[in-house]
Amino acid sequence: AVLDRVAEDGYALVDQELEEGVRSIAVP
């Protein structure tokens, strides 16, 4: 469901899921 939203919004924001304290934002 998150990936569907990413495809619709054109970006992804991931908040401390990879490492605590790290936030990242990506686009295609």
PDB file of all heavy atoms in Angstrom:
ATOM      1  N   ALA A   1       0.828  -1.203   0.000  1.00  0.00           N
ATOM      2  CA  ALA A   1       0.000   0.000   0.000  1.00  0.00           C
ATOM      3  C   ALA A   1       0.865   1.257   0.000  1.00  0.00           C
ATOM      4  O   ALA A   1       0.546   2.254  -0.685  1.00  0.00           O
ATOM      5  CB  ALA A   1      -0.924  -0.009   1.207  1.00  0.00           C
ATOM      6  N   VAL A   2       1.965   1.224   0.750  1.00  0.00           N
ATOM      7  CA  VAL A   2       2.885   2.373   0.758  1.00  0.00           C
ATOM      8  C   VAL A   2       3.484   2.591  -0.627  1.00  0.00           C
ATOM      9  O   VAL A   2       3.618   3.734  -1.099  1.00  0.00           O
ATOM     10  CB  VAL A   2       3.999   2.157   1.811  1.00  0.00           C
ATOM     11  CG1 VAL A   2       5.126   3.170   1.624  1.00  0.00           C
ATOM     12  CG2 VAL A   2       3.422   2.257   3.217  1.00  0.00           C
ATOM     13  N   LEU A   3       3.844   1.514  -1.296  1.00  0.00           N
ATOM     14  CA  LEU A   3       4.434   1.633  -2.635  1.00  0.00           C
ATOM     15  C   LEU A   3       3.424   2.215  -3.627  1.00  0.00           C
ATOM     16  O   LEU A   3       3.794   2.982  -4.524  1.00  0.00           O
ATOM     17  CB  LEU A   3       4.949   0.278  -3.110  1.00  0.00           C
ATOM     18  CG  LEU A   3       6.111  -0.316  -2.311  1.00  0.00           C
ATOM     19  CD1 LEU A   3       6.490  -1.687  -2.852  1.00  0.00           C
ATOM     20  CD2 LEU A   3       7.308   0.616  -2.306  1.00  0.00           C
ATOM     21  N   ASP A   4       2.167   1.844  -3.497  1.00  0.00           N
ATOM     22  CA  ASP A   4       1.136   2.453  -4.345  1.00  0.00           C
ATOM     23  C   ASP A   4       1.098   3.966  -4.137  1.00  0.00           C
ATOM     24  O   ASP A   4       0.965   4.739  -5.098  1.00  0.00           O
ATOM     25  CB  ASP A   4      -0.238   1.853  -4.022  1.00  0.00           C
ATOM     26  CG  ASP A   4      -0.388   0.429  -4.522  1.00  0.00           C
ATOM     27  OD1 ASP A   4       0.366   0.040  -5.437  1.00  0.00           O
ATOM     28  OD2 ASP A   4      -1.249  -0.304  -3.987  1.00  0.00           O
ATOM     29  N   ARG A   5       1.193   4.379  -2.877  1.00  0.00           N
ATOM     30  CA  ARG A   5       1.173   5.806  -2.570  1.00  0.00           C
ATOM     31  C   ARG A   5       2.421   6.510  -3.120  1.00  0.00           C
ATOM     32  O   ARG A   5       2.344   7.624  -3.642  1.00  0.00           O
ATOM     33  CB  ARG A   5       1.076   6.007  -1.052  1.00  0.00           C
ATOM     34  CG  ARG A   5       1.023   7.466  -0.614  1.00  0.00           C
ATOM     35  CD  ARG A   5      -0.254   8.152  -1.092  1.00  0.00           C
ATOM     36  NE  ARG A   5      -0.273   9.549  -0.709  1.00  0.00           N
ATOM     37  CZ  ARG A   5      -0.762   9.999   0.448  1.00  0.00           C
ATOM     38  NH1 ARG A   5      -1.292   9.128   1.323  1.00  0.00           N
ATOM     39  NH2 ARG A   5      -0.753  11.274   0.725  1.00  0.00           N
ATOM     40  N   VAL A   6       3.560   5.851  -3.010  1.00  0.00           N
ATOM     41  CA  VAL A   6       4.804   6.416  -3.558  1.00  0.00           C
ATOM     42  C   VAL A   6       4.672   6.620  -5.061  1.00  0.00           C
ATOM     43  O   VAL A   6       5.058   7.671  -5.607  1.00  0.00           O
ATOM     44  CB  VAL A   6       6.001   5.505  -3.221  1.00  0.00           C
ATOM     45  CG1 VAL A   6       7.244   5.927  -4.004  1.00  0.00           C
ATOM     46  CG2 VAL A   6       6.284   5.523  -1.727  1.00  0.00           C
ATOM     47  N   ALA A   7       4.126   5.614  -5.751  1.00  0.00           N
ATOM     48  CA  ALA A   7       3.947   5.730  -7.196  1.00  0.00           C
ATOM     49  C   ALA A   7       3.031   6.895  -7.542  1.00  0.00           C
ATOM     50  O   ALA A   7       3.252   7.616  -8.523  1.00  0.00           O
ATOM     51  CB  ALA A   7       3.391   4.425  -7.757  1.00  0.00           C
ATOM     52  N   GLU A   8       2.004   7.103  -6.724  1.00  0.00           N
ATOM     53  CA  GLU A   8       1.056   8.192  -6.974  1.00  0.00           C
ATOM     54  C   GLU A   8       1.666   9.559  -6.660  1.00  0.00           C
ATOM     55  O   GLU A   8       1.505  10.516  -7.421  1.00  0.00           O
ATOM     56  CB  GLU A   8      -0.193   7.977  -6.123  1.00  0.00           C
ATOM     57  CG  GLU A   8      -1.271   9.034  -6.320  1.00  0.00           C
ATOM     58  CD  GLU A   8      -2.487   8.766  -5.456  1.00  0.00           C
ATOM     59  OE1 GLU A   8      -2.663   7.613  -5.002  1.00  0.00           O
ATOM     60  OE2 GLU A   8      -3.267   9.717  -5.223  1.00  0.00           O
ATOM     61  N   ASP A   9       2.404   9.643  -5.530  1.00  0.00           N
ATOM     62  CA  ASP A   9       2.964  10.932  -5.100  1.00  0.00           C
ATOM     63  C   ASP A   9       4.229  11.309  -5.867  1.00  0.00           C
ATOM     64  O   ASP A   9       4.567  12.492  -5.953  1.00  0.00           O
ATOM     65  CB  ASP A   9       3.301  10.884  -3.604  1.00  0.00           C
ATOM     66  CG  ASP A   9       2.060  10.791  -2.731  1.00  0.00           C
ATOM     67  OD1 ASP A   9       0.955  11.086  -3.242  1.00  0.00           O
ATOM     68  OD2 ASP A   9       2.190  10.417  -1.546  1.00  0.00           O
ATOM     69  N   GLY A  10       4.951  10.316  -6.374  1.00  0.00           N
ATOM     70  CA  GLY A  10       6.203  10.598  -7.079  1.00  0.00           C
ATOM     71  C   GLY A  10       7.391  10.796  -6.161  1.00  0.00           C
ATOM     72  O   GLY A  10       8.434  11.301  -6.593  1.00  0.00           O
ATOM     73  N   TYR A  11       7.270  10.430  -4.905  1.00  0.00           N
ATOM     74  CA  TYR A  11       8.412  10.488  -3.993  1.00  0.00           C
ATOM     75  C   TYR A  11       8.161   9.544  -2.822  1.00  0.00           C
ATOM     76  O   TYR A  11       7.031   9.100  -2.591  1.00  0.00           O
ATOM     77  CB  TYR A  11       8.653  11.906  -3.471  1.00  0.00           C
ATOM     78  CG  TYR A  11       7.660  12.375  -2.431  1.00  0.00           C
ATOM     79  CD1 TYR A  11       7.926  12.234  -1.068  1.00  0.00           C
ATOM     80  CD2 TYR A  11       6.458  12.974  -2.801  1.00  0.00           C
ATOM     81  CE1 TYR A  11       7.019  12.651  -0.101  1.00  0.00           C
ATOM     82  CE2 TYR A  11       5.545  13.403  -1.851  1.00  0.00           C
ATOM     83  CZ  TYR A  11       5.835  13.244  -0.509  1.00  0.00           C
ATOM     84  OH  TYR A  11       4.936  13.654   0.448  1.00  0.00           O
ATOM     85  N   ALA A  12       9.249   9.233  -2.097  1.00  0.00           N
ATOM     86  CA  ALA A  12       9.145   8.409  -0.889  1.00  0.00           C
ATOM     87  C   ALA A  12       9.882   9.100   0.245  1.00  0.00           C
ATOM     88  O   ALA A  12      11.004   9.601   0.048  1.00  0.00           O
ATOM     89  CB  ALA A  12       9.742   7.026  -1.127  1.00  0.00           C
ATOM     90  N   LEU A  13       9.264   9.138   1.404  1.00  0.00           N
ATOM     91  CA  LEU A  13       9.892   9.666   2.613  1.00  0.00           C
ATOM     92  C   LEU A  13       9.957   8.534   3.629  1.00  0.00           C
ATOM     93  O   LEU A  13       8.925   7.963   3.993  1.00  0.00           O
ATOM     94  CB  LEU A  13       9.085  10.836   3.179  1.00  0.00           C
ATOM     95  CG  LEU A  13       9.618  11.477   4.452  1.00  0.00           C
ATOM     96  CD1 LEU A  13      10.950  12.161   4.197  1.00  0.00           C
ATOM     97  CD2 LEU A  13       8.610  12.475   5.004  1.00  0.00           C
ATOM     98  N   VAL A  14      11.156   8.171   4.035  1.00  0.00           N
ATOM     99  CA  VAL A  14      11.344   7.083   4.998  1.00  0.00           C
ATOM    100  C   VAL A  14      11.950   7.679   6.264  1.00  0.00           C
ATOM    101  O   VAL A  14      12.999   8.343   6.216  1.00  0.00           O
ATOM    102  CB  VAL A  14      12.239   5.980   4.416  1.00  0.00           C
ATOM    103  CG1 VAL A  14      12.619   4.974   5.498  1.00  0.00           C
ATOM    104  CG2 VAL A  14      11.518   5.269   3.274  1.00  0.00           C
ATOM    105  N   ASP A  15      11.272   7.426   7.392  1.00  0.00           N
ATOM    106  CA  ASP A  15      11.617   8.092   8.644  1.00  0.00           C
ATOM    107  C   ASP A  15      12.138   7.077   9.667  1.00  0.00           C
ATOM    108  O   ASP A  15      11.359   6.343  10.289  1.00  0.00           O
ATOM    109  CB  ASP A  15      10.371   8.802   9.192  1.00  0.00           C
ATOM    110  CG  ASP A  15      10.713   9.849  10.245  1.00  0.00           C
ATOM    111  OD1 ASP A  15      11.887   9.907  10.653  1.00  0.00           O
ATOM    112  OD2 ASP A  15       9.807  10.607  10.624  1.00  0.00           O
ATOM    113  N   GLN A  16      13.471   6.978   9.766  1.00  0.00           N
ATOM    114  CA  GLN A  16      14.145   6.180  10.788  1.00  0.00           C
ATOM    115  C   GLN A  16      13.795   4.696  10.721  1.00  0.00           C
ATOM    116  O   GLN A  16      13.813   4.003  11.734  1.00  0.00           O
ATOM    117  CB  GLN A  16      13.830   6.748  12.181  1.00  0.00           C
ATOM    118  CG  GLN A  16      14.198   8.220  12.317  1.00  0.00           C
ATOM    119  CD  GLN A  16      13.973   8.757  13.701  1.00  0.00           C
ATOM    120  OE1 GLN A  16      14.798   8.532  14.589  1.00  0.00           O
ATOM    121  NE2 GLN A  16      12.870   9.466  13.895  1.00  0.00           N
ATOM    122  N   GLU A  17      13.513   4.190   9.517  1.00  0.00           N
ATOM    123  CA  GLU A  17      13.255   2.754   9.345  1.00  0.00           C
ATOM    124  C   GLU A  17      14.533   1.985   9.033  1.00  0.00           C
ATOM    125  O   GLU A  17      14.616   0.785   9.281  1.00  0.00           O
ATOM    126  CB  GLU A  17      12.229   2.520   8.240  1.00  0.00           C
ATOM    127  CG  GLU A  17      10.851   3.082   8.546  1.00  0.00           C
ATOM    128  CD  GLU A  17       9.831   2.677   7.499  1.00  0.00           C
ATOM    129  OE1 GLU A  17       9.824   1.495   7.107  1.00  0.00           O
ATOM    130  OE2 GLU A  17       9.049   3.550   7.061  1.00  0.00           O
ATOM    131  N   LEU A  18      15.512   2.677   8.477  1.00  0.00           N
ATOM    132  CA  LEU A  18      16.803   2.050   8.191  1.00  0.00           C
ATOM    133  C   LEU A  18      17.720   2.143   9.406  1.00  0.00           C
ATOM    134  O   LEU A  18      18.396   1.175   9.775  1.00  0.00           O
ATOM    135  CB  LEU A  18      17.462   2.723   6.987  1.00  0.00           C
ATOM    136  CG  LEU A  18      18.860   2.233   6.626  1.00  0.00           C
ATOM    137  CD1 LEU A  18      18.802   0.805   6.109  1.00  0.00           C
ATOM    138  CD2 LEU A  18      19.494   3.163   5.589  1.00  0.00           C
ATOM    139  N   GLU A  19      17.737   3.307  10.013  1.00  0.00           N
ATOM    140  CA  GLU A  19      18.596   3.559  11.174  1.00  0.00           C
ATOM    141  C   GLU A  19      17.984   4.690  11.977  1.00  0.00           C
ATOM    142  O   GLU A  19      17.469   5.658  11.408  1.00  0.00           O
ATOM    143  CB  GLU A  19      20.011   3.937  10.711  1.00  0.00           C
ATOM    144  CG  GLU A  19      20.993   4.128  11.830  1.00  0.00           C
ATOM    145  CD  GLU A  19      22.404   4.420  11.314  1.00  0.00           C
ATOM    146  OE1 GLU A  19      22.693   4.066  10.156  1.00  0.00           O
ATOM    147  OE2 GLU A  19      23.189   4.998  12.082  1.00  0.00           O
ATOM    148  N   GLU A  20      18.009   4.539  13.286  1.00  0.00           N
ATOM    149  CA  GLU A  20      17.452   5.589  14.126  1.00  0.00           C
ATOM    150  C   GLU A  20      18.210   6.894  13.922  1.00  0.00           C
ATOM    151  O   GLU A  20      19.436   6.907  13.854  1.00  0.00           O
ATOM    152  CB  GLU A  20      17.505   5.167  15.599  1.00  0.00           C
ATOM    153  CG  GLU A  20      16.560   4.019  15.916  1.00  0.00           C
ATOM    154  CD  GLU A  20      16.610   3.623  17.387  1.00  0.00           C
ATOM    155  OE1 GLU A  20      17.340   4.297  18.148  1.00  0.00           O
ATOM    156  OE2 GLU A  20      15.932   2.645  17.768  1.00  0.00           O
ATOM    157  N   GLY A  21      17.459   7.976  13.785  1.00  0.00           N
ATOM    158  CA  GLY A  21      18.064   9.283  13.575  1.00  0.00           C
ATOM    159  C   GLY A  21      18.249   9.654  12.118  1.00  0.00           C
ATOM    160  O   GLY A  21      18.638  10.776  11.804  1.00  0.00           O
ATOM    161  N   VAL A  22      17.982   8.703  11.188  1.00  0.00           N
ATOM    162  CA  VAL A  22      18.176   8.959   9.750  1.00  0.00           C
ATOM    163  C   VAL A  22      16.820   9.056   9.065  1.00  0.00           C
ATOM    164  O   VAL A  22      16.001   8.130   9.145  1.00  0.00           O
ATOM    165  CB  VAL A  22      19.021   7.854   9.085  1.00  0.00           C
ATOM    166  CG1 VAL A  22      19.118   8.100   7.587  1.00  0.00           C
ATOM    167  CG2 VAL A  22      20.404   7.807   9.713  1.00  0.00           C
ATOM    168  N   ARG A  23      16.606  10.165   8.411  1.00  0.00           N
ATOM    169  CA  ARG A  23      15.402  10.393   7.610  1.00  0.00           C
ATOM    170  C   ARG A  23      15.866  10.647   6.175  1.00  0.00           C
ATOM    171  O   ARG A  23      16.879  11.322   5.954  1.00  0.00           O
ATOM    172  CB  ARG A  23      14.644  11.603   8.172  1.00  0.00           C
ATOM    173  CG  ARG A  23      13.407  12.015   7.421  1.00  0.00           C
ATOM    174  CD  ARG A  23      12.727  13.174   8.148  1.00  0.00           C
ATOM    175  NE  ARG A  23      12.106  12.711   9.382  1.00  0.00           N
ATOM    176  CZ  ARG A  23      12.210  13.338  10.563  1.00  0.00           C
ATOM    177  NH1 ARG A  23      12.932  14.442  10.659  1.00  0.00           N
ATOM    178  NH2 ARG A  23      11.602  12.853  11.630  1.00  0.00           N
ATOM    179  N   SER A  24      15.157  10.130   5.194  1.00  0.00           N
ATOM    180  CA  SER A  24      15.580  10.361   3.806  1.00  0.00           C
ATOM    181  C   SER A  24      14.360  10.530   2.910  1.00  0.00           C
ATOM    182  O   SER A  24      13.269  10.034   3.213  1.00  0.00           O
ATOM    183  CB  SER A  24      16.452   9.209   3.291  1.00  0.00           C
ATOM    184  OG  SER A  24      15.701   8.015   3.193  1.00  0.00           O
ATOM    185  N   ILE A  25      14.577  11.230   1.810  1.00  0.00           N
ATOM    186  CA  ILE A  25      13.524  11.468   0.834  1.00  0.00           C
ATOM    187  C   ILE A  25      14.092  11.194  -0.548  1.00  0.00           C
ATOM    188  O   ILE A  25      15.248  11.543  -0.835  1.00  0.00           O
ATOM    189  CB  ILE A  25      12.971  12.912   0.956  1.00  0.00           C
ATOM    190  CG1 ILE A  25      11.715  13.079   0.096  1.00  0.00           C
ATOM    191  CG2 ILE A  25      14.031  13.950   0.629  1.00  0.00           C
ATOM    192  CD1 ILE A  25      10.938  14.349   0.428  1.00  0.00           C
ATOM    193  N   ALA A  26      13.332  10.513  -1.407  1.00  0.00           N
ATOM    194  CA  ALA A  26      13.829  10.075  -2.714  1.00  0.00           C
ATOM    195  C   ALA A  26      12.776  10.301  -3.789  1.00  0.00           C
ATOM    196  O   ALA A  26      11.566  10.312  -3.514  1.00  0.00           O
ATOM    197  CB  ALA A  26      14.218   8.594  -2.675  1.00  0.00           C
ATOM    198  N   VAL A  27      13.255  10.455  -5.019  1.00  0.00           N
ATOM    199  CA  VAL A  27      12.380  10.605  -6.191  1.00  0.00           C
ATOM    200  C   VAL A  27      12.947   9.738  -7.308  1.00  0.00           C
ATOM    201  O   VAL A  27      14.128   9.380  -7.299  1.00  0.00           O
ATOM    202  CB  VAL A  27      12.298  12.075  -6.668  1.00  0.00           C
ATOM    203  CG1 VAL A  27      11.705  12.966  -5.586  1.00  0.00           C
ATOM    204  CG2 VAL A  27      13.676  12.579  -7.098  1.00  0.00           C
ATOM    205  N   PRO A  28      12.126   9.399  -8.294  1.00  0.00           N
ATOM    206  CA  PRO A  28      12.629   8.577  -9.403  1.00  0.00           C
ATOM    207  C   PRO A  28      13.448   9.377 -10.409  1.00  0.00           C
ATOM    208  O   PRO A  28      13.236  10.579 -10.589  1.00  0.00           O
ATOM    209  CB  PRO A  28      11.339   8.053 -10.053  1.00  0.00           C
ATOM    210  CG  PRO A  28      10.314   9.078  -9.729  1.00  0.00           C
ATOM    211  CD  PRO A  28      10.675   9.619  -8.380  1.00  0.00           C
TER     212      PRO A  28
END
